[in-house]
Amino acid sequence: MAQKKYERKLVLDPNQWWEHLSLAQKFSANSLFQYGYQLAFIRDTEEGKLAVLLREDDIVTLSEEGDIDSEPSIILRT
């Protein structure tokens, strides 16, 4: 599967990003917070809003429907 590259358009802190999550994403994110993940940012994609959560070197994404992808094919800029 090809990796996707998304361009950052808005810089917010995690609390501000929270307001932009769908209800389903909020439920899924809450379950991941228990394991040390933090909401990093949200990207608008063709499939809807994609939330990106980080824990050290681990990346997890949440679809707008709240589906968790623990092995996403995305590239993060450093």
Protein backbone atom coordinates (compact mmCIF):
# COMPACT_ATOMS: atom_id res chain seq x y z
CA MET A 1 0.00 0.00 0.00
CA ALA A 2 1.39 3.43 -0.91
CA GLN A 3 2.08 5.87 1.88
CA LYS A 4 0.05 9.05 1.91
CA LYS A 5 1.47 12.49 2.59
CA TYR A 6 -0.74 15.16 4.14
CA GLU A 7 0.10 18.81 4.43
CA ARG A 8 -0.31 20.61 7.75
CA LYS A 9 -2.67 23.60 7.45
CA LEU A 10 -3.60 24.41 11.04
CA VAL A 11 -1.53 24.17 14.22
CA LEU A 12 -3.50 23.55 17.41
CA ASP A 13 -2.74 22.02 20.79
CA PRO A 14 -4.32 18.62 21.63
CA ASN A 15 -7.19 20.18 23.60
CA GLN A 16 -8.14 22.33 20.62
CA TRP A 17 -7.97 19.36 18.23
CA TRP A 18 -10.40 17.50 20.50
CA GLU A 19 -13.19 19.90 19.52
CA HIS A 20 -12.78 18.88 15.86
CA LEU A 21 -13.23 15.13 16.42
CA SER A 22 -16.43 13.30 15.56
CA LEU A 23 -18.28 11.66 18.45
CA ALA A 24 -17.09 8.22 17.27
CA GLN A 25 -13.48 9.44 17.18
CA LYS A 26 -13.81 10.81 20.72
CA PHE A 27 -14.93 7.41 22.03
CA SER A 28 -12.07 5.62 20.26
CA ALA A 29 -9.53 8.24 21.35
CA ASN A 30 -10.61 7.88 24.98
CA SER A 31 -9.85 4.17 24.86
CA LEU A 32 -6.37 4.89 23.43
CA PHE A 33 -5.57 7.57 26.02
CA GLN A 34 -5.50 4.77 28.62
CA TYR A 35 -2.46 3.35 26.81
CA GLY A 36 -0.57 6.65 26.68
CA TYR A 37 -1.56 7.87 23.23
CA GLN A 38 -2.05 11.60 22.71
CA LEU A 39 -4.02 13.35 20.02
CA ALA A 40 -1.50 15.04 17.73
CA PHE A 41 -3.59 16.44 14.88
CA ILE A 42 -6.46 15.87 12.45
CA ARG A 43 -6.28 15.77 8.66
CA ASP A 44 -9.08 16.21 6.17
CA THR A 45 -8.92 13.39 3.64
CA GLU A 46 -11.10 12.17 0.79
CA GLU A 47 -12.56 9.63 3.26
CA GLY A 48 -13.28 12.26 5.95
CA LYS A 49 -11.42 13.51 9.01
CA LEU A 50 -8.44 11.39 10.04
CA ALA A 51 -7.26 11.80 13.65
CA VAL A 52 -3.61 10.98 14.36
CA LEU A 53 -2.55 9.87 17.82
CA LEU A 54 1.03 9.33 18.96
CA ARG A 55 2.77 7.41 21.73
CA GLU A 56 6.56 7.61 21.59
CA ASP A 57 7.29 6.06 18.15
CA ASP A 58 3.84 4.50 17.70
CA ILE A 59 1.28 6.07 15.37
CA VAL A 60 -2.44 5.26 15.40
CA THR A 61 -5.12 6.82 13.24
CA LEU A 62 -8.86 7.09 13.75
CA SER A 63 -11.28 7.30 10.85
CA GLU A 64 -14.24 9.65 11.13
CA GLU A 65 -16.33 6.58 12.03
CA GLY A 66 -13.96 5.85 14.95
CA ASP A 67 -12.19 2.89 13.33
CA ILE A 68 -8.69 2.41 14.79
CA ASP A 69 -5.75 1.73 12.44
CA SER A 70 -2.69 0.70 14.44
CA GLU A 71 -0.53 0.35 11.32
CA PRO A 72 -1.38 3.40 9.20
CA SER A 73 0.51 4.12 6.00
CA ILE A 74 1.20 7.80 6.59
CA ILE A 75 4.38 9.87 6.63
CA LEU A 76 4.99 12.30 9.48
CA ARG A 77 7.25 15.27 8.97
CA THR A 78 9.73 15.92 11.74
